[in-house]
Amino acid sequence: MKQIQIITLFFLCCFLTSCMTTAATYGYLERSISPKATKEQQQQVKQQVMQLLEKEYKQPFKLESFEYKYQTHNRPGSFDFAEYGTYYFKIEAVDNPVIVMNFRIDDMKKSSTNELIEGFKNKKLKDLYCGSLESYYLNLETEISQPYANEAEKYCDSRDQAYYKVPKERYLQYFNLK
């Protein structure tokens, strides 16, 4: 009886060890590696993003901060991981200090700078401005700067992007300004 238990335990350990090494090898072989961007590519992305913002919103912007990080990313509890770079931006509207856009662009599966910029243009560009107004109202520690906030609200309403209204209502309720 003890021999059967020992043999069963031995085979169980062998099978589990086999599964672990297979998963680790599979995860290593399947990982995604995006090449690290050169300094020139980083500058090109930065310039093109600024140009796209100014063209889309028809106003000047000031780059507060810009950073590029190339790192290994993985999902917790799995062997899936990928290496890619991320561009971090903090940009302020020159004419409206209420608008501060904090965003990032991942170059996980992009084969060129143009493809990266196209992805940004199609997925993020149109919502950044009004999304930053929403973030402005979510920060309960700031006081509303009325002429600038009203101006930004009118602009977002004209673009049919009024998703700042719910955070604004919460902000006003919080300060009993209704």
Protein backbone atom coordinates (compact mmCIF):
# COMPACT_ATOMS: atom_id res chain seq x y z
CA MET A 1 0.00 0.00 0.00
CA LYS A 2 2.81 2.41 0.88
CA GLN A 3 4.61 1.54 -2.33
CA ILE A 4 1.54 2.47 -4.39
CA GLN A 5 1.31 5.82 -2.57
CA ILE A 6 5.02 6.51 -3.15
CA ILE A 7 4.79 5.58 -6.84
CA THR A 8 1.65 7.71 -7.28
CA LEU A 9 3.33 10.64 -5.54
CA PHE A 10 6.43 10.23 -7.72
CA PHE A 11 4.41 10.29 -10.97
CA LEU A 12 2.34 13.22 -9.77
CA CYS A 13 5.51 15.21 -9.04
CA CYS A 14 6.94 14.31 -12.45
CA PHE A 15 3.80 15.44 -14.26
CA LEU A 16 3.59 18.72 -12.34
CA THR A 17 7.27 19.47 -12.93
CA SER A 18 6.79 18.75 -16.61
CA CYS A 19 3.86 21.19 -16.79
CA MET A 20 5.83 23.92 -15.05
CA THR A 21 8.85 23.67 -17.35
CA THR A 22 6.67 23.49 -20.45
CA ALA A 23 4.75 26.62 -19.41
CA ALA A 24 7.95 28.51 -18.66
CA THR A 25 9.52 27.52 -21.97
CA TYR A 26 6.35 28.31 -23.89
CA GLY A 27 6.07 31.72 -22.22
CA TYR A 28 9.70 32.48 -22.99
CA LEU A 29 9.40 31.47 -26.64
CA GLU A 30 6.12 33.32 -27.19
CA ARG A 31 7.14 36.62 -25.63
CA SER A 32 6.81 39.78 -27.63
CA ILE A 33 9.88 41.92 -28.03
CA SER A 34 9.48 45.32 -29.59
CA PRO A 35 12.77 47.02 -30.49
CA LYS A 36 13.94 49.89 -28.30
CA ALA A 37 13.39 53.29 -29.89
CA THR A 38 16.44 55.35 -30.78
CA LYS A 39 16.84 58.94 -29.54
CA GLU A 40 15.88 60.16 -33.02
CA GLN A 41 12.70 58.07 -33.01
CA GLN A 42 11.81 59.36 -29.54
CA GLN A 43 12.24 62.96 -30.70
CA GLN A 44 10.19 62.24 -33.82
CA VAL A 45 7.33 60.80 -31.75
CA LYS A 46 7.43 63.78 -29.39
CA GLN A 47 7.34 66.30 -32.26
CA GLN A 48 4.59 64.51 -34.15
CA VAL A 49 2.40 64.19 -31.05
CA MET A 50 2.74 67.93 -30.36
CA GLN A 51 1.91 68.76 -33.99
CA LEU A 52 -1.12 66.47 -33.97
CA LEU A 53 -2.44 68.05 -30.77
CA GLU A 54 -2.06 71.58 -32.14
CA LYS A 55 -3.68 70.59 -35.43
CA GLU A 56 -6.58 68.73 -33.78
CA TYR A 57 -7.40 71.35 -31.14
CA LYS A 58 -6.27 74.47 -33.05
CA GLN A 59 -4.33 75.97 -30.16
CA PRO A 60 -0.77 75.97 -28.81
CA PHE A 61 0.43 73.45 -26.23
CA LYS A 62 3.42 73.36 -23.91
CA LEU A 63 5.27 70.12 -23.21
CA GLU A 64 5.67 69.90 -19.43
CA SER A 65 7.45 66.54 -19.37
CA PHE A 66 8.38 63.71 -21.69
CA GLU A 67 9.95 60.36 -20.88
CA TYR A 68 10.61 57.10 -22.69
CA LYS A 69 11.02 53.85 -20.75
CA TYR A 70 11.88 50.47 -22.24
CA GLN A 71 10.87 47.69 -19.85
CA THR A 72 9.79 44.10 -19.49
CA HIS A 73 6.09 43.76 -18.67
CA ASN A 74 4.28 40.63 -17.50
CA ARG A 75 0.85 39.64 -16.33
CA PRO A 76 0.84 38.67 -12.65
CA GLY A 77 0.62 34.92 -12.13
CA SER A 78 1.60 33.96 -15.66
CA PHE A 79 4.64 33.33 -17.77
CA ASP A 80 3.52 35.73 -20.48
CA PHE A 81 5.77 38.74 -20.73
CA ALA A 82 6.75 41.29 -23.31
CA GLU A 83 9.46 43.90 -23.74
CA TYR A 84 8.43 47.24 -25.17
CA GLY A 85 8.83 50.96 -24.71
CA THR A 86 6.37 53.46 -23.33
CA TYR A 87 6.26 57.20 -24.02
CA TYR A 88 4.98 59.32 -21.12
CA PHE A 89 3.67 62.82 -21.82
CA LYS A 90 2.46 65.71 -19.70
CA ILE A 91 1.19 68.54 -21.89
CA GLU A 92 -0.57 71.77 -20.92
CA ALA A 93 -2.72 74.01 -23.08
CA VAL A 94 -1.00 77.41 -23.28
CA ASP A 95 -4.28 79.35 -23.50
CA ASN A 96 -6.09 77.32 -20.84
CA PRO A 97 -4.11 76.14 -17.77
CA VAL A 98 -7.06 73.98 -16.68
CA ILE A 99 -6.21 71.57 -19.50
CA VAL A 100 -3.29 69.35 -18.48
CA MET A 101 -3.05 66.12 -20.44
CA ASN A 102 -1.22 63.19 -18.83
CA PHE A 103 -1.05 60.21 -21.13
CA ARG A 104 1.16 57.42 -22.37
CA ILE A 105 1.70 55.66 -25.65
CA ASP A 106 2.85 52.02 -25.64
CA ASP A 107 4.84 50.80 -28.62
CA MET A 108 4.14 47.15 -27.84
CA LYS A 109 3.43 45.88 -31.35
CA LYS A 110 4.43 48.80 -33.52
CA SER A 111 6.92 48.16 -36.27
CA SER A 112 7.51 51.82 -37.15
CA THR A 113 7.11 55.32 -35.77
CA ASN A 114 4.41 56.03 -38.35
CA GLU A 115 2.37 53.04 -37.17
CA LEU A 116 2.75 54.20 -33.56
CA ILE A 117 1.56 57.71 -34.44
CA GLU A 118 -1.35 56.34 -36.48
CA GLY A 119 -2.46 54.28 -33.48
CA PHE A 120 -2.30 57.38 -31.28
CA LYS A 121 -4.22 59.40 -33.83
CA ASN A 122 -6.99 56.81 -34.16
CA LYS A 123 -7.39 55.81 -30.51
CA LYS A 124 -6.40 58.63 -28.15
CA LEU A 125 -6.10 61.98 -29.88
CA LYS A 126 -9.78 62.94 -30.04
CA ASP A 127 -10.48 62.35 -26.34
CA LEU A 128 -7.40 63.83 -24.65
CA TYR A 129 -8.52 67.43 -24.28
CA CYS A 130 -11.95 66.77 -22.79
CA GLY A 131 -10.59 63.83 -20.81
CA SER A 132 -8.23 66.23 -19.07
CA LEU A 133 -11.19 68.46 -18.17
CA GLU A 134 -12.82 65.40 -16.62
CA SER A 135 -9.62 64.76 -14.61
CA TYR A 136 -9.64 68.41 -13.53
CA TYR A 137 -13.05 67.96 -11.90
CA LEU A 138 -12.09 64.62 -10.36
CA ASN A 139 -9.33 66.33 -8.38
CA LEU A 140 -11.27 67.60 -5.36
CA GLU A 141 -8.31 69.59 -4.06
CA THR A 142 -8.35 72.15 -6.87
CA GLU A 143 -10.48 75.23 -6.97
CA ILE A 144 -12.35 75.76 -10.20
CA SER A 145 -10.80 78.49 -12.29
CA GLN A 146 -14.08 79.79 -13.72
CA PRO A 147 -13.19 81.56 -16.96
CA TYR A 148 -10.88 78.74 -18.04
CA ALA A 149 -13.18 75.92 -16.94
CA ASN A 150 -16.18 77.51 -18.67
CA GLU A 151 -14.16 77.99 -21.84
CA ALA A 152 -13.06 74.34 -21.81
CA GLU A 153 -16.63 73.17 -21.15
CA LYS A 154 -17.94 75.13 -24.12
CA TYR A 155 -15.23 73.68 -26.31
CA CYS A 156 -15.98 70.10 -25.20
CA ASP A 157 -19.71 70.66 -25.68
CA SER A 158 -19.04 71.88 -29.23
CA ARG A 159 -17.15 68.62 -29.89
CA ASP A 160 -20.04 66.62 -28.38
CA GLN A 161 -17.76 65.28 -25.63
CA ALA A 162 -19.64 66.14 -22.47
CA TYR A 163 -18.38 63.31 -20.29
CA TYR A 164 -16.85 65.88 -17.92
CA LYS A 165 -20.35 66.66 -16.57
CA VAL A 166 -20.67 63.75 -14.12
CA PRO A 167 -17.36 64.53 -12.36
CA LYS A 168 -18.31 68.23 -12.35
CA GLU A 169 -21.62 67.44 -10.60
CA ARG A 170 -19.78 65.36 -8.00
CA TYR A 171 -17.27 68.17 -7.53
CA LEU A 172 -20.06 70.70 -7.00
CA GLN A 173 -21.88 68.38 -4.59
CA TYR A 174 -18.68 67.87 -2.65
CA PHE A 175 -18.28 71.61 -2.13
CA ASN A 176 -22.04 72.33 -1.81
CA LEU A 177 -21.85 74.87 -4.60
CA LYS A 178 -25.12 73.89 -6.24
